[in-house]
């Protein structure tokens, strides 16, 4: 499924989706970050922490689980 990123932090991210996902649903979230002028695609094991209907879409929060050190470093660098 594709969604639109709303917010990202070191422990998770929020996305807009056309479909509902159940809280505690486990899966992987892949997203692209631009670091040092280059696009990097990151994939994180994640759990749905909330799903809120908002107008014509769902705001879904994902909590990252067992982040790899390289991915955590990339997200931290992006957030600076």
N, C-alpha and C. Protein backbone atom coordinates (compact mmCIF):
# COMPACT_ATOMS: atom_id res chain seq x y z
N UNK A 1 0.84 -1.18 0.00
CA UNK A 1 0.00 0.00 0.00
C UNK A 1 0.88 1.24 0.00
N UNK A 2 0.44 2.26 -0.62
CA UNK A 2 1.17 3.52 -0.62
C UNK A 2 0.44 4.53 0.25
N UNK A 3 1.22 5.35 0.92
CA UNK A 3 0.66 6.40 1.76
C UNK A 3 1.49 7.65 1.64
N UNK A 4 1.03 8.69 2.29
CA UNK A 4 1.75 9.96 2.29
C UNK A 4 2.27 10.22 3.69
N UNK A 5 3.57 10.51 3.79
CA UNK A 5 4.20 10.75 5.08
C UNK A 5 3.72 12.05 5.69
N UNK A 6 3.33 12.00 6.97
CA UNK A 6 2.94 13.20 7.71
C UNK A 6 4.06 13.64 8.64
N UNK A 7 4.66 12.68 9.30
CA UNK A 7 5.64 13.00 10.35
C UNK A 7 6.55 11.79 10.53
N UNK A 8 7.81 12.06 10.88
CA UNK A 8 8.75 10.97 11.16
C UNK A 8 9.57 11.34 12.37
N UNK A 9 9.87 10.36 13.19
CA UNK A 9 10.71 10.54 14.36
C UNK A 9 11.59 9.31 14.52
N UNK A 10 12.44 9.32 15.53
CA UNK A 10 13.37 8.21 15.73
C UNK A 10 12.67 6.91 16.09
N UNK A 11 11.45 6.99 16.64
CA UNK A 11 10.77 5.77 17.07
C UNK A 11 9.58 5.38 16.19
N UNK A 12 9.26 6.20 15.18
CA UNK A 12 8.13 5.85 14.33
C UNK A 12 7.76 6.94 13.35
N UNK A 13 6.65 6.71 12.66
CA UNK A 13 6.18 7.70 11.69
C UNK A 13 4.67 7.64 11.57
N UNK A 14 4.12 8.69 11.00
CA UNK A 14 2.68 8.79 10.77
C UNK A 14 2.46 8.95 9.27
N UNK A 15 1.48 8.23 8.75
CA UNK A 15 1.18 8.26 7.32
C UNK A 15 -0.31 8.45 7.10
N UNK A 16 -0.67 8.99 5.95
CA UNK A 16 -2.06 9.03 5.50
C UNK A 16 -2.28 7.87 4.54
N UNK A 17 -3.35 7.12 4.76
CA UNK A 17 -3.71 5.99 3.90
C UNK A 17 -5.16 6.10 3.48
N UNK A 18 -5.48 5.49 2.35
CA UNK A 18 -6.87 5.40 1.93
C UNK A 18 -7.60 4.28 2.66
N UNK A 19 -6.85 3.31 3.22
CA UNK A 19 -7.45 2.16 3.88
C UNK A 19 -7.15 2.17 5.37
N UNK A 20 -8.01 1.49 6.09
CA UNK A 20 -7.85 1.34 7.53
C UNK A 20 -6.90 0.17 7.82
N UNK A 21 -6.09 0.31 8.86
CA UNK A 21 -5.28 -0.80 9.37
C UNK A 21 -5.60 -0.97 10.84
N UNK A 22 -5.60 -2.19 11.29
CA UNK A 22 -5.91 -2.48 12.69
C UNK A 22 -4.74 -2.13 13.60
N UNK A 23 -5.03 -1.57 14.76
CA UNK A 23 -4.01 -1.29 15.77
C UNK A 23 -3.33 -2.61 16.13
N UNK A 24 -2.03 -2.57 16.32
CA UNK A 24 -1.16 -3.71 16.62
C UNK A 24 -0.84 -4.58 15.40
N UNK A 25 -1.34 -4.20 14.21
CA UNK A 25 -0.98 -4.91 12.98
C UNK A 25 0.53 -4.81 12.78
N UNK A 26 1.18 -5.92 12.49
CA UNK A 26 2.63 -5.94 12.28
C UNK A 26 2.93 -5.99 10.79
N UNK A 27 4.01 -5.34 10.40
CA UNK A 27 4.42 -5.35 9.00
C UNK A 27 5.71 -4.58 8.82
N UNK A 28 5.98 -4.21 7.59
CA UNK A 28 7.17 -3.43 7.26
C UNK A 28 6.74 -2.13 6.59
N UNK A 29 7.43 -1.06 6.92
CA UNK A 29 7.21 0.23 6.30
C UNK A 29 8.49 0.58 5.54
N UNK A 30 8.35 0.88 4.26
CA UNK A 30 9.48 1.33 3.45
C UNK A 30 9.24 2.78 3.07
N UNK A 31 10.30 3.58 3.17
CA UNK A 31 10.18 5.00 2.84
C UNK A 31 11.51 5.51 2.34
N UNK A 32 11.46 6.64 1.67
CA UNK A 32 12.65 7.23 1.08
C UNK A 32 13.05 8.48 1.84
N UNK A 33 14.33 8.57 2.19
CA UNK A 33 14.89 9.76 2.82
C UNK A 33 16.00 10.29 1.93
N UNK A 34 16.14 11.60 1.87
CA UNK A 34 17.26 12.21 1.15
C UNK A 34 18.32 12.61 2.16
N UNK A 35 19.48 11.97 2.05
CA UNK A 35 20.62 12.25 2.93
C UNK A 35 21.84 12.55 2.09
N UNK A 36 22.50 13.65 2.39
CA UNK A 36 23.70 14.06 1.66
C UNK A 36 23.45 14.10 0.15
N UNK A 37 22.25 14.57 -0.22
CA UNK A 37 21.92 14.72 -1.63
C UNK A 37 21.56 13.43 -2.36
N UNK A 38 21.45 12.33 -1.62
CA UNK A 38 21.14 11.04 -2.24
C UNK A 38 19.88 10.45 -1.61
N UNK A 39 19.09 9.82 -2.44
CA UNK A 39 17.89 9.14 -1.94
C UNK A 39 18.28 7.79 -1.35
N UNK A 40 17.74 7.50 -0.18
CA UNK A 40 17.95 6.21 0.47
C UNK A 40 16.59 5.61 0.79
N UNK A 41 16.39 4.37 0.44
CA UNK A 41 15.15 3.69 0.78
C UNK A 41 15.42 2.85 2.03
N UNK A 42 14.63 3.11 3.06
CA UNK A 42 14.76 2.40 4.34
C UNK A 42 13.53 1.53 4.55
N UNK A 43 13.72 0.36 5.13
CA UNK A 43 12.62 -0.54 5.46
C UNK A 43 12.73 -0.90 6.93
N UNK A 44 11.64 -0.69 7.65
CA UNK A 44 11.61 -0.92 9.10
C UNK A 44 10.44 -1.83 9.46
N UNK A 45 10.71 -2.81 10.32
CA UNK A 45 9.62 -3.61 10.89
C UNK A 45 8.84 -2.66 11.79
N UNK A 46 7.52 -2.68 11.67
CA UNK A 46 6.70 -1.70 12.37
C UNK A 46 5.40 -2.31 12.88
N UNK A 47 4.81 -1.60 13.84
CA UNK A 47 3.52 -1.98 14.41
C UNK A 47 2.62 -0.76 14.36
N UNK A 48 1.36 -0.96 13.98
CA UNK A 48 0.39 0.14 13.95
C UNK A 48 0.05 0.51 15.39
N UNK A 49 0.27 1.78 15.74
CA UNK A 49 -0.03 2.24 17.10
C UNK A 49 -1.36 2.98 17.19
N UNK A 50 -1.80 3.57 16.08
CA UNK A 50 -3.13 4.19 16.05
C UNK A 50 -3.61 4.28 14.61
N UNK A 51 -4.93 4.37 14.46
CA UNK A 51 -5.56 4.53 13.15
C UNK A 51 -6.79 5.40 13.35
N UNK A 52 -6.74 6.62 12.80
CA UNK A 52 -7.80 7.61 13.01
C UNK A 52 -8.37 8.03 11.67
N UNK A 53 -9.70 7.91 11.51
CA UNK A 53 -10.34 8.38 10.28
C UNK A 53 -10.38 9.89 10.32
N UNK A 54 -9.95 10.51 9.22
CA UNK A 54 -9.88 11.97 9.15
C UNK A 54 -10.35 12.44 7.78
N UNK A 55 -11.63 12.71 7.67
CA UNK A 55 -12.18 13.20 6.40
C UNK A 55 -12.26 12.10 5.36
N UNK A 56 -11.33 12.12 4.41
CA UNK A 56 -11.35 11.14 3.33
C UNK A 56 -10.19 10.16 3.37
N UNK A 57 -9.50 10.09 4.52
CA UNK A 57 -8.35 9.19 4.65
C UNK A 57 -8.18 8.76 6.11
N UNK A 58 -7.23 7.89 6.33
CA UNK A 58 -6.90 7.43 7.68
C UNK A 58 -5.50 7.91 8.05
N UNK A 59 -5.35 8.47 9.23
CA UNK A 59 -4.02 8.81 9.77
C UNK A 59 -3.58 7.60 10.58
N UNK A 60 -2.45 7.02 10.17
CA UNK A 60 -1.99 5.80 10.81
C UNK A 60 -0.59 6.01 11.36
N UNK A 61 -0.42 5.70 12.65
CA UNK A 61 0.88 5.82 13.30
C UNK A 61 1.56 4.47 13.35
N UNK A 62 2.82 4.44 12.97
CA UNK A 62 3.62 3.22 12.98
C UNK A 62 4.75 3.37 13.99
N UNK A 63 4.92 2.40 14.83
CA UNK A 63 6.03 2.37 15.79
C UNK A 63 7.08 1.42 15.22
N UNK A 64 8.32 1.92 15.06
CA UNK A 64 9.40 1.08 14.56
C UNK A 64 9.75 0.04 15.62
N UNK A 65 10.11 -1.15 15.17
CA UNK A 65 10.47 -2.24 16.08
C UNK A 65 11.85 -2.77 15.71
N UNK A 66 12.70 -2.95 16.73
CA UNK A 66 14.02 -3.54 16.54
C UNK A 66 14.80 -2.91 15.37
N UNK A 67 14.93 -1.59 15.44
CA UNK A 67 15.63 -0.88 14.36
C UNK A 67 17.08 -1.29 14.25
N UNK A 68 17.51 -1.52 13.05
CA UNK A 68 18.91 -1.77 12.74
C UNK A 68 19.69 -0.47 13.01
N UNK A 69 20.90 -0.55 13.49
CA UNK A 69 21.70 0.63 13.85
C UNK A 69 21.89 1.56 12.65
N UNK A 70 22.12 1.00 11.47
CA UNK A 70 22.32 1.83 10.28
C UNK A 70 21.06 2.64 9.94
N UNK A 71 19.91 2.02 10.10
CA UNK A 71 18.65 2.73 9.82
C UNK A 71 18.41 3.81 10.87
N UNK A 72 18.63 3.49 12.13
CA UNK A 72 18.48 4.48 13.20
C UNK A 72 19.42 5.66 12.96
N UNK A 73 20.64 5.40 12.57
CA UNK A 73 21.60 6.48 12.28
C UNK A 73 21.14 7.34 11.12
N UNK A 74 20.60 6.72 10.08
CA UNK A 74 20.10 7.47 8.92
C UNK A 74 18.92 8.36 9.32
N UNK A 75 17.99 7.85 10.10
CA UNK A 75 16.83 8.63 10.54
C UNK A 75 17.29 9.79 11.43
N UNK A 76 18.20 9.51 12.35
CA UNK A 76 18.72 10.54 13.25
C UNK A 76 19.42 11.64 12.46
N UNK A 77 20.21 11.26 11.48
CA UNK A 77 20.90 12.24 10.63
C UNK A 77 19.89 13.09 9.86
N UNK A 78 18.84 12.47 9.35
CA UNK A 78 17.79 13.19 8.62
C UNK A 78 17.08 14.20 9.52
N UNK A 79 16.87 13.85 10.78
CA UNK A 79 16.12 14.70 11.70
C UNK A 79 16.93 15.91 12.19
N UNK A 80 18.24 15.90 12.03
CA UNK A 80 19.06 17.03 12.48
C UNK A 80 18.83 18.26 11.67
